Amino acid sequence: KKIGKLAYKLALPPSMSRIHPVFHVSLLEDWNKPPPERGFKPGPIQDPKIKGDQYKVEGILTHKGQPGKLRYLIKWLGWPVEESTWEPESNLDN
C-alpha cells in the first residue's frame, strides 16, 4: 500500500513480524509469479512410524490464543511454508 510519495507499507507474513513494514521505493523490486510446476506438488515425507493422517512437524512458526486454548501455526515437514496450518494444541503430540 502506498503511504507516501516514496514509501510503501507491505503486508508481511507472521514470520517477519519483527520487521518494520514500511519501505522506501528504492528498496522494492517487481515480483513475478513463478511458472507453475506442471501439476507437481510435493507431498509429506513418509515415516513408517506414522499412521493415518498424521504428519511430521518441521517447526512452529508462531502461536496465538490464551493458555489452554492455544493454536500454533505449523510448518509441516515436506510441505512448502504456504501449506502451513493453524492447529490446536490437542492436535499435536510430543
PDB file of N, CA and C in Angstrom:
ATOM      1  N   LYS A   1       0.852  -1.166   0.000  1.00  0.00           N
ATOM      2  CA  LYS A   1       0.000   0.000   0.000  1.00  0.00           C
ATOM      3  C   LYS A   1       0.904   1.237   0.000  1.00  0.00           C
ATOM      4  N   LYS A   2       0.649   2.141  -0.918  1.00  0.00           N
ATOM      5  CA  LYS A   2       1.433   3.368  -0.996  1.00  0.00           C
ATOM      6  C   LYS A   2       0.986   4.299   0.126  1.00  0.00           C
ATOM      7  N   ILE A   3       1.943   4.735   0.954  1.00  0.00           N
ATOM      8  CA  ILE A   3       1.582   5.608   2.077  1.00  0.00           C
ATOM      9  C   ILE A   3       2.237   6.979   1.969  1.00  0.00           C
ATOM     10  N   GLY A   4       3.039   7.177   0.960  1.00  0.00           N
ATOM     11  CA  GLY A   4       3.699   8.454   0.747  1.00  0.00           C
ATOM     12  C   GLY A   4       4.241   8.503  -0.665  1.00  0.00           C
ATOM     13  N   LYS A   5       4.900   9.613  -0.990  1.00  0.00           N
ATOM     14  CA  LYS A   5       5.445   9.755  -2.329  1.00  0.00           C
ATOM     15  C   LYS A   5       6.453   8.659  -2.663  1.00  0.00           C
ATOM     16  N   LEU A   6       7.258   8.270  -1.666  1.00  0.00           N
ATOM     17  CA  LEU A   6       8.320   7.293  -1.900  1.00  0.00           C
ATOM     18  C   LEU A   6       8.313   6.152  -0.891  1.00  0.00           C
ATOM     19  N   ALA A   7       7.183   5.935  -0.221  1.00  0.00           N
ATOM     20  CA  ALA A   7       7.124   4.891   0.808  1.00  0.00           C
ATOM     21  C   ALA A   7       5.925   3.978   0.603  1.00  0.00           C
ATOM     22  N   TYR A   8       6.162   2.695   0.864  1.00  0.00           N
ATOM     23  CA  TYR A   8       5.110   1.683   0.760  1.00  0.00           C
ATOM     24  C   TYR A   8       5.070   0.869   2.042  1.00  0.00           C
ATOM     25  N   LYS A   9       3.854   0.551   2.472  1.00  0.00           N
ATOM     26  CA  LYS A   9       3.674  -0.335   3.620  1.00  0.00           C
ATOM     27  C   LYS A   9       3.305  -1.709   3.070  1.00  0.00           C
ATOM     28  N   LEU A  10       4.101  -2.724   3.446  1.00  0.00           N
ATOM     29  CA  LEU A  10       3.898  -4.075   2.935  1.00  0.00           C
ATOM     30  C   LEU A  10       3.163  -4.941   3.946  1.00  0.00           C
ATOM     31  N   ALA A  11       2.373  -5.873   3.444  1.00  0.00           N
ATOM     32  CA  ALA A  11       1.723  -6.880   4.285  1.00  0.00           C
ATOM     33  C   ALA A  11       2.716  -8.035   4.400  1.00  0.00           C
ATOM     34  N   LEU A  12       3.393  -8.127   5.526  1.00  0.00           N
ATOM     35  CA  LEU A  12       4.415  -9.148   5.727  1.00  0.00           C
ATOM     36  C   LEU A  12       3.826 -10.366   6.419  1.00  0.00           C
ATOM     37  N   PRO A  13       4.397 -11.554   6.178  1.00  0.00           N
ATOM     38  CA  PRO A  13       3.912 -12.768   6.844  1.00  0.00           C
ATOM     39  C   PRO A  13       4.247 -12.726   8.336  1.00  0.00           C
ATOM     40  N   PRO A  14       3.548 -13.517   9.147  1.00  0.00           N
ATOM     41  CA  PRO A  14       3.800 -13.526  10.594  1.00  0.00           C
ATOM     42  C   PRO A  14       5.259 -13.814  10.948  1.00  0.00           C
ATOM     43  N   SER A  15       5.949 -14.590  10.142  1.00  0.00           N
ATOM     44  CA  SER A  15       7.344 -14.921  10.434  1.00  0.00           C
ATOM     45  C   SER A  15       8.261 -13.696  10.339  1.00  0.00           C
ATOM     46  N   MET A  16       7.758 -12.597   9.767  1.00  0.00           N
ATOM     47  CA  MET A  16       8.552 -11.376   9.633  1.00  0.00           C
ATOM     48  C   MET A  16       7.978 -10.248  10.488  1.00  0.00           C
ATOM     49  N   SER A  17       7.268 -10.597  11.549  1.00  0.00           N
ATOM     50  CA  SER A  17       6.567  -9.601  12.364  1.00  0.00           C
ATOM     51  C   SER A  17       7.499  -8.629  13.081  1.00  0.00           C
ATOM     52  N   ARG A  18       8.772  -8.956  13.209  1.00  0.00           N
ATOM     53  CA  ARG A  18       9.718  -8.069  13.889  1.00  0.00           C
ATOM     54  C   ARG A  18      10.296  -7.008  12.945  1.00  0.00           C
ATOM     55  N   ILE A  19       9.965  -7.091  11.666  1.00  0.00           N
ATOM     56  CA  ILE A  19      10.475  -6.143  10.673  1.00  0.00           C
ATOM     57  C   ILE A  19       9.464  -5.017  10.491  1.00  0.00           C
ATOM     58  N   HIS A  20       9.958  -3.778  10.485  1.00  0.00           N
ATOM     59  CA  HIS A  20       9.084  -2.629  10.235  1.00  0.00           C
ATOM     60  C   HIS A  20       8.557  -2.736   8.803  1.00  0.00           C
ATOM     61  N   PRO A  21       7.240  -2.635   8.584  1.00  0.00           N
ATOM     62  CA  PRO A  21       6.661  -2.921   7.272  1.00  0.00           C
ATOM     63  C   PRO A  21       6.714  -1.787   6.247  1.00  0.00           C
ATOM     64  N   VAL A  22       7.321  -0.646   6.583  1.00  0.00           N
ATOM     65  CA  VAL A  22       7.361   0.485   5.644  1.00  0.00           C
ATOM     66  C   VAL A  22       8.746   0.538   4.994  1.00  0.00           C
ATOM     67  N   PHE A  23       8.748   0.610   3.636  1.00  0.00           N
ATOM     68  CA  PHE A  23       9.998   0.589   2.880  1.00  0.00           C
ATOM     69  C   PHE A  23      10.041   1.730   1.872  1.00  0.00           C
ATOM     70  N   HIS A  24      11.239   2.262   1.648  1.00  0.00           N
ATOM     71  CA  HIS A  24      11.458   3.261   0.605  1.00  0.00           C
ATOM     72  C   HIS A  24      11.346   2.561  -0.747  1.00  0.00           C
ATOM     73  N   VAL A  25      10.798   3.250  -1.722  1.00  0.00           N
ATOM     74  CA  VAL A  25      10.557   2.676  -3.043  1.00  0.00           C
ATOM     75  C   VAL A  25      11.843   2.140  -3.685  1.00  0.00           C
ATOM     76  N   SER A  26      12.990   2.720  -3.370  1.00  0.00           N
ATOM     77  CA  SER A  26      14.256   2.262  -3.967  1.00  0.00           C
ATOM     78  C   SER A  26      14.650   0.865  -3.497  1.00  0.00           C
ATOM     79  N   LEU A  27      14.066   0.391  -2.391  1.00  0.00           N
ATOM     80  CA  LEU A  27      14.379  -0.940  -1.867  1.00  0.00           C
ATOM     81  C   LEU A  27      13.463  -2.023  -2.423  1.00  0.00           C
ATOM     82  N   LEU A  28      12.458  -1.628  -3.181  1.00  0.00           N
ATOM     83  CA  LEU A  28      11.466  -2.586  -3.673  1.00  0.00           C
ATOM     84  C   LEU A  28      11.745  -2.982  -5.115  1.00  0.00           C
ATOM     85  N   GLU A  29      11.372  -4.217  -5.449  1.00  0.00           N
ATOM     86  CA  GLU A  29      11.519  -4.732  -6.813  1.00  0.00           C
ATOM     87  C   GLU A  29      10.194  -5.316  -7.268  1.00  0.00           C
ATOM     88  N   ASP A  30       9.987  -5.346  -8.581  1.00  0.00           N
ATOM     89  CA  ASP A  30       8.805  -6.007  -9.126  1.00  0.00           C
ATOM     90  C   ASP A  30       8.871  -7.490  -8.805  1.00  0.00           C
ATOM     91  N   TRP A  31       7.730  -8.081  -8.563  1.00  0.00           N
ATOM     92  CA  TRP A  31       7.656  -9.515  -8.291  1.00  0.00           C
ATOM     93  C   TRP A  31       6.892 -10.178  -9.404  1.00  0.00           C
ATOM     94  N   ASN A  32       7.436 -11.276  -9.920  1.00  0.00           N
ATOM     95  CA  ASN A  32       6.768 -12.063 -10.947  1.00  0.00           C
ATOM     96  C   ASN A  32       6.475 -13.434 -10.378  1.00  0.00           C
ATOM     97  N   LYS A  33       5.247 -13.863 -10.550  1.00  0.00           N
ATOM     98  CA  LYS A  33       4.854 -15.182 -10.062  1.00  0.00           C
ATOM     99  C   LYS A  33       5.654 -16.247 -10.797  1.00  0.00           C
ATOM    100  N   PRO A  34       6.233 -17.212 -10.051  1.00  0.00           N
ATOM    101  CA  PRO A  34       6.992 -18.263 -10.730  1.00  0.00           C
ATOM    102  C   PRO A  34       6.080 -19.128 -11.589  1.00  0.00           C
ATOM    103  N   PRO A  35       6.625 -19.738 -12.644  1.00  0.00           N
ATOM    104  CA  PRO A  35       5.785 -20.584 -13.504  1.00  0.00           C
ATOM    105  C   PRO A  35       5.261 -21.787 -12.723  1.00  0.00           C
ATOM    106  N   PRO A  36       4.101 -22.311 -13.101  1.00  0.00           N
ATOM    107  CA  PRO A  36       3.562 -23.485 -12.399  1.00  0.00           C
ATOM    108  C   PRO A  36       4.496 -24.676 -12.551  1.00  0.00           C
ATOM    109  N   GLU A  37       4.448 -25.561 -11.581  1.00  0.00           N
ATOM    110  CA  GLU A  37       5.337 -26.723 -11.546  1.00  0.00           C
ATOM    111  C   GLU A  37       4.773 -27.901 -12.333  1.00  0.00           C
ATOM    112  N   ARG A  38       3.944 -27.622 -13.315  1.00  0.00           N
ATOM    113  CA  ARG A  38       3.345 -28.660 -14.167  1.00  0.00           C
ATOM    114  C   ARG A  38       2.580 -29.697 -13.361  1.00  0.00           C
ATOM    115  N   GLY A  39       1.824 -29.218 -12.389  1.00  0.00           N
ATOM    116  CA  GLY A  39       0.955 -30.118 -11.636  1.00  0.00           C
ATOM    117  C   GLY A  39       1.633 -30.863 -10.510  1.00  0.00           C
ATOM    118  N   PHE A  40       2.956 -30.778 -10.387  1.00  0.00           N
ATOM    119  CA  PHE A  40       3.632 -31.490  -9.307  1.00  0.00           C
ATOM    120  C   PHE A  40       3.557 -30.664  -8.036  1.00  0.00           C
ATOM    121  N   LYS A  41       3.103 -31.289  -6.985  1.00  0.00           N
ATOM    122  CA  LYS A  41       3.061 -30.635  -5.686  1.00  0.00           C
ATOM    123  C   LYS A  41       3.724 -31.579  -4.692  1.00  0.00           C
ATOM    124  N   PRO A  42       4.756 -31.104  -3.981  1.00  0.00           N
ATOM    125  CA  PRO A  42       5.431 -32.016  -3.065  1.00  0.00           C
ATOM    126  C   PRO A  42       4.485 -32.501  -1.983  1.00  0.00           C
ATOM    127  N   GLY A  43       4.633 -33.737  -1.616  1.00  0.00           N
ATOM    128  CA  GLY A  43       3.802 -34.309  -0.568  1.00  0.00           C
ATOM    129  C   GLY A  43       4.583 -34.431   0.718  1.00  0.00           C
ATOM    130  N   PRO A  44       3.929 -34.914   1.743  1.00  0.00           N
ATOM    131  CA  PRO A  44       4.616 -35.062   3.019  1.00  0.00           C
ATOM    132  C   PRO A  44       5.657 -36.174   2.938  1.00  0.00           C
ATOM    133  N   ILE A  45       6.654 -36.073   3.789  1.00  0.00           N
ATOM    134  CA  ILE A  45       7.652 -37.131   3.873  1.00  0.00           C
ATOM    135  C   ILE A  45       7.027 -38.296   4.621  1.00  0.00           C
ATOM    136  N   GLN A  46       7.116 -39.469   4.052  1.00  0.00           N
ATOM    137  CA  GLN A  46       6.506 -40.653   4.662  1.00  0.00           C
ATOM    138  C   GLN A  46       7.402 -41.193   5.765  1.00  0.00           C
ATOM    139  N   ASP A  47       6.818 -41.510   6.886  1.00  0.00           N
ATOM    140  CA  ASP A  47       7.520 -42.102   8.015  1.00  0.00           C
ATOM    141  C   ASP A  47       6.752 -43.350   8.407  1.00  0.00           C
ATOM    142  N   PRO A  48       7.386 -44.518   8.380  1.00  0.00           N
ATOM    143  CA  PRO A  48       6.654 -45.757   8.665  1.00  0.00           C
ATOM    144  C   PRO A  48       6.069 -45.820  10.072  1.00  0.00           C
ATOM    145  N   LYS A  49       6.582 -44.995  11.005  1.00  0.00           N
ATOM    146  CA  LYS A  49       6.046 -44.996  12.370  1.00  0.00           C
ATOM    147  C   LYS A  49       4.744 -44.204  12.478  1.00  0.00           C
ATOM    148  N   ILE A  50       4.435 -43.411  11.450  1.00  0.00           N
ATOM    149  CA  ILE A  50       3.248 -42.554  11.488  1.00  0.00           C
ATOM    150  C   ILE A  50       2.128 -43.230  10.718  1.00  0.00           C
ATOM    151  N   LYS A  51       0.973 -43.329  11.332  1.00  0.00           N
ATOM    152  CA  LYS A  51      -0.186 -43.995  10.721  1.00  0.00           C
ATOM    153  C   LYS A  51      -1.270 -42.962  10.397  1.00  0.00           C
ATOM    154  N   GLY A  52      -2.062 -43.239   9.367  1.00  0.00           N
ATOM    155  CA  GLY A  52      -3.229 -42.410   9.046  1.00  0.00           C
ATOM    156  C   GLY A  52      -2.851 -41.024   8.577  1.00  0.00           C
ATOM    157  N   ASP A  53      -3.669 -40.039   8.963  1.00  0.00           N
ATOM    158  CA  ASP A  53      -3.484 -38.651   8.536  1.00  0.00           C
ATOM    159  C   ASP A  53      -2.597 -37.882   9.509  1.00  0.00           C
ATOM    160  N   GLN A  54      -1.446 -38.415   9.832  1.00  0.00           N
ATOM    161  CA  GLN A  54      -0.508 -37.730  10.711  1.00  0.00           C
ATOM    162  C   GLN A  54       0.703 -37.308   9.891  1.00  0.00           C
ATOM    163  N   TYR A  55       1.263 -36.162  10.234  1.00  0.00           N
ATOM    164  CA  TYR A  55       2.419 -35.625   9.531  1.00  0.00           C
ATOM    165  C   TYR A  55       3.450 -35.176  10.547  1.00  0.00           C
ATOM    166  N   LYS A  56       4.699 -35.083  10.105  1.00  0.00           N
ATOM    167  CA  LYS A  56       5.764 -34.619  10.983  1.00  0.00           C
ATOM    168  C   LYS A  56       5.827 -33.094  10.952  1.00  0.00           C
ATOM    169  N   VAL A  57       6.028 -32.507  12.120  1.00  0.00           N
ATOM    170  CA  VAL A  57       6.167 -31.061  12.253  1.00  0.00           C
ATOM    171  C   VAL A  57       7.619 -30.685  11.984  1.00  0.00           C
ATOM    172  N   GLU A  58       7.815 -29.731  11.068  1.00  0.00           N
ATOM    173  CA  GLU A  58       9.159 -29.213  10.834  1.00  0.00           C
ATOM    174  C   GLU A  58       9.451 -28.093  11.818  1.00  0.00           C
ATOM    175  N   GLY A  59       8.417 -27.302  12.113  1.00  0.00           N
ATOM    176  CA  GLY A  59       8.610 -26.208  13.056  1.00  0.00           C
ATOM    177  C   GLY A  59       7.308 -25.516  13.387  1.00  0.00           C
ATOM    178  N   ILE A  60       7.322 -24.775  14.479  1.00  0.00           N
ATOM    179  CA  ILE A  60       6.183 -23.952  14.884  1.00  0.00           C
ATOM    180  C   ILE A  60       6.556 -22.517  14.544  1.00  0.00           C
ATOM    181  N   LEU A  61       5.787 -21.893  13.652  1.00  0.00           N
ATOM    182  CA  LEU A  61       6.117 -20.557  13.165  1.00  0.00           C
ATOM    183  C   LEU A  61       5.694 -19.469  14.141  1.00  0.00           C
ATOM    184  N   THR A  62       4.530 -19.641  14.765  1.00  0.00           N
ATOM    185  CA  THR A  62       4.036 -18.679  15.753  1.00  0.00           C
ATOM    186  C   THR A  62       2.869 -19.325  16.486  1.00  0.00           C
ATOM    187  N   HIS A  63       2.309 -18.613  17.440  1.00  0.00           N
ATOM    188  CA  HIS A  63       1.144 -19.122  18.167  1.00  0.00           C
ATOM    189  C   HIS A  63       0.228 -17.955  18.508  1.00  0.00           C
ATOM    190  N   LYS A  64      -1.011 -18.296  18.884  1.00  0.00           N
ATOM    191  CA  LYS A  64      -1.959 -17.271  19.315  1.00  0.00           C
ATOM    192  C   LYS A  64      -2.960 -17.913  20.267  1.00  0.00           C
ATOM    193  N   GLY A  65      -3.633 -17.082  21.042  1.00  0.00           N
ATOM    194  CA  GLY A  65      -4.637 -17.581  21.971  1.00  0.00           C
ATOM    195  C   GLY A  65      -4.177 -17.488  23.412  1.00  0.00           C
ATOM    196  N   GLN A  66      -5.019 -17.984  24.291  1.00  0.00           N
ATOM    197  CA  GLN A  66      -4.776 -17.973  25.728  1.00  0.00           C
ATOM    198  C   GLN A  66      -4.323 -19.354  26.173  1.00  0.00           C
ATOM    199  N   PRO A  67      -3.608 -19.453  27.307  1.00  0.00           N
ATOM    200  CA  PRO A  67      -3.242 -20.769  27.830  1.00  0.00           C
ATOM    201  C   PRO A  67      -4.475 -21.662  27.945  1.00  0.00           C
ATOM    202  N   GLY A  68      -4.345 -22.874  27.482  1.00  0.00           N
ATOM    203  CA  GLY A  68      -5.469 -23.805  27.459  1.00  0.00           C
ATOM    204  C   GLY A  68      -6.246 -23.756  26.157  1.00  0.00           C
ATOM    205  N   LYS A  69      -6.088 -22.676  25.391  1.00  0.00           N
ATOM    206  CA  LYS A  69      -6.773 -22.522  24.104  1.00  0.00           C
ATOM    207  C   LYS A  69      -5.788 -22.040  23.036  1.00  0.00           C
ATOM    208  N   LEU A  70      -4.529 -22.443  23.183  1.00  0.00           N
ATOM    209  CA  LEU A  70      -3.505 -22.012  22.231  1.00  0.00           C
ATOM    210  C   LEU A  70      -3.667 -22.713  20.888  1.00  0.00           C
ATOM    211  N   ARG A  71      -3.329 -21.973  19.822  1.00  0.00           N
ATOM    212  CA  ARG A  71      -3.283 -22.527  18.469  1.00  0.00           C
ATOM    213  C   ARG A  71      -1.897 -22.196  17.929  1.00  0.00           C
ATOM    214  N   TYR A  72      -1.344 -23.132  17.172  1.00  0.00           N
ATOM    215  CA  TYR A  72       0.004 -22.990  16.645  1.00  0.00           C
ATOM    216  C   TYR A  72      -0.022 -23.014  15.123  1.00  0.00           C
ATOM    217  N   LEU A  73       0.794 -22.141  14.509  1.00  0.00           N
ATOM    218  CA  LEU A  73       0.965 -22.164  13.058  1.00  0.00           C
ATOM    219  C   LEU A  73       2.094 -23.147  12.763  1.00  0.00           C
ATOM    220  N   ILE A  74       1.721 -24.287  12.164  1.00  0.00           N
ATOM    221  CA  ILE A  74       2.636 -25.404  11.973  1.00  0.00           C
ATOM    222  C   ILE A  74       3.183 -25.434  10.555  1.00  0.00           C
ATOM    223  N   LYS A  75       4.515 -25.501  10.439  1.00  0.00           N
ATOM    224  CA  LYS A  75       5.197 -25.745   9.161  1.00  0.00           C
ATOM    225  C   LYS A  75       5.434 -27.244   9.109  1.00  0.00           C
ATOM    226  N   TRP A  76       4.792 -27.916   8.143  1.00  0.00           N
ATOM    227  CA  TRP A  76       4.851 -29.372   8.034  1.00  0.00           C
ATOM    228  C   TRP A  76       6.080 -29.810   7.256  1.00  0.00           C
ATOM    229  N   LEU A  77       6.733 -30.853   7.709  1.00  0.00           N
ATOM    230  CA  LEU A  77       7.912 -31.401   7.053  1.00  0.00           C
ATOM    231  C   LEU A  77       7.531 -31.928   5.670  1.00  0.00           C
ATOM    232  N   GLY A  78       8.248 -31.461   4.648  1.00  0.00           N
ATOM    233  CA  GLY A  78       7.987 -31.901   3.283  1.00  0.00           C
ATOM    234  C   GLY A  78       6.953 -31.072   2.550  1.00  0.00           C
ATOM    235  N   TRP A  79       6.386 -30.067   3.202  1.00  0.00           N
ATOM    236  CA  TRP A  79       5.380 -29.204   2.580  1.00  0.00           C
ATOM    237  C   TRP A  79       5.925 -27.781   2.528  1.00  0.00           C
ATOM    238  N   PRO A  80       5.561 -26.991   1.508  1.00  0.00           N
ATOM    239  CA  PRO A  80       6.007 -25.596   1.449  1.00  0.00           C
ATOM    240  C   PRO A  80       5.361 -24.782   2.572  1.00  0.00           C
ATOM    241  N   VAL A  81       6.000 -23.686   2.938  1.00  0.00           N
ATOM    242  CA  VAL A  81       5.512 -22.850   4.042  1.00  0.00           C
ATOM    243  C   VAL A  81       4.088 -22.346   3.782  1.00  0.00           C
ATOM    244  N   GLU A  82       3.713 -22.203   2.501  1.00  0.00           N
ATOM    245  CA  GLU A  82       2.363 -21.737   2.167  1.00  0.00           C
ATOM    246  C   GLU A  82       1.296 -22.736   2.605  1.00  0.00           C
ATOM    247  N   GLU A  83       1.680 -23.975   2.849  1.00  0.00           N
ATOM    248  CA  GLU A  83       0.742 -25.015   3.274  1.00  0.00           C
ATOM    249  C   GLU A  83       0.694 -25.156   4.798  1.00  0.00           C
ATOM    250  N   SER A  84       1.329 -24.236   5.522  1.00  0.00           N
ATOM    251  CA  SER A  84       1.287 -24.272   6.986  1.00  0.00           C
ATOM    252  C   SER A  84      -0.152 -24.092   7.450  1.00  0.00           C
ATOM    253  N   THR A  85      -0.492 -24.707   8.583  1.00  0.00           N
ATOM    254  CA  THR A  85      -1.865 -24.636   9.087  1.00  0.00           C
ATOM    255  C   THR A  85      -1.879 -24.282  10.569  1.00  0.00           C
ATOM    256  N   TRP A  86      -2.990 -23.658  10.991  1.00  0.00           N
ATOM    257  CA  TRP A  86      -3.215 -23.374  12.409  1.00  0.00           C
ATOM    258  C   TRP A  86      -3.811 -24.617  13.044  1.00  0.00           C
ATOM    259  N   GLU A  87      -3.199 -25.092  14.115  1.00  0.00           N
ATOM    260  CA  GLU A  87      -3.650 -26.307  14.781  1.00  0.00           C
ATOM    261  C   GLU A  87      -3.801 -26.069  16.277  1.00  0.00           C
ATOM    262  N   PRO A  88      -4.879 -26.607  16.875  1.00  0.00           N
ATOM    263  CA  PRO A  88      -4.999 -26.526  18.334  1.00  0.00           C
ATOM    264  C   PRO A  88      -3.974 -27.459  18.977  1.00  0.00           C
ATOM    265  N   GLU A  89      -3.615 -27.139  20.200  1.00  0.00           N
ATOM    266  CA  GLU A  89      -2.629 -27.947  20.920  1.00  0.00           C
ATOM    267  C   GLU A  89      -3.036 -29.416  20.977  1.00  0.00           C
ATOM    268  N   SER A  90      -4.336 -29.677  21.041  1.00  0.00           N
ATOM    269  CA  SER A  90      -4.827 -31.055  21.143  1.00  0.00           C
ATOM    270  C   SER A  90      -4.516 -31.889  19.896  1.00  0.00           C
ATOM    271  N   ASN A  91      -4.226 -31.243  18.760  1.00  0.00           N
ATOM    272  CA  ASN A  91      -3.892 -31.979  17.534  1.00  0.00           C
ATOM    273  C   ASN A  91      -2.420 -32.372  17.464  1.00  0.00           C
ATOM    274  N   LEU A  92      -1.628 -31.908  18.427  1.00  0.00           N
ATOM    275  CA  LEU A  92      -0.186 -32.137  18.376  1.00  0.00           C
ATOM    276  C   LEU A  92       0.242 -33.119  19.452  1.00  0.00           C
ATOM    277  N   ASP A  93       1.120 -34.038  19.075  1.00  0.00           N
ATOM    278  CA  ASP A  93       1.706 -34.988  20.020  1.00  0.00           C
ATOM    279  C   ASP A  93       3.174 -34.643  20.198  1.00  0.00           C
ATOM    280  N   ASN A  94       3.669 -34.852  21.396  1.00  0.00           N
ATOM    281  CA  ASN A  94       5.098 -34.658  21.701  1.00  0.00           C
ATOM    282  C   ASN A  94       5.551 -33.263  21.364  1.00  0.00           C
TER     283      ASN A  94
END
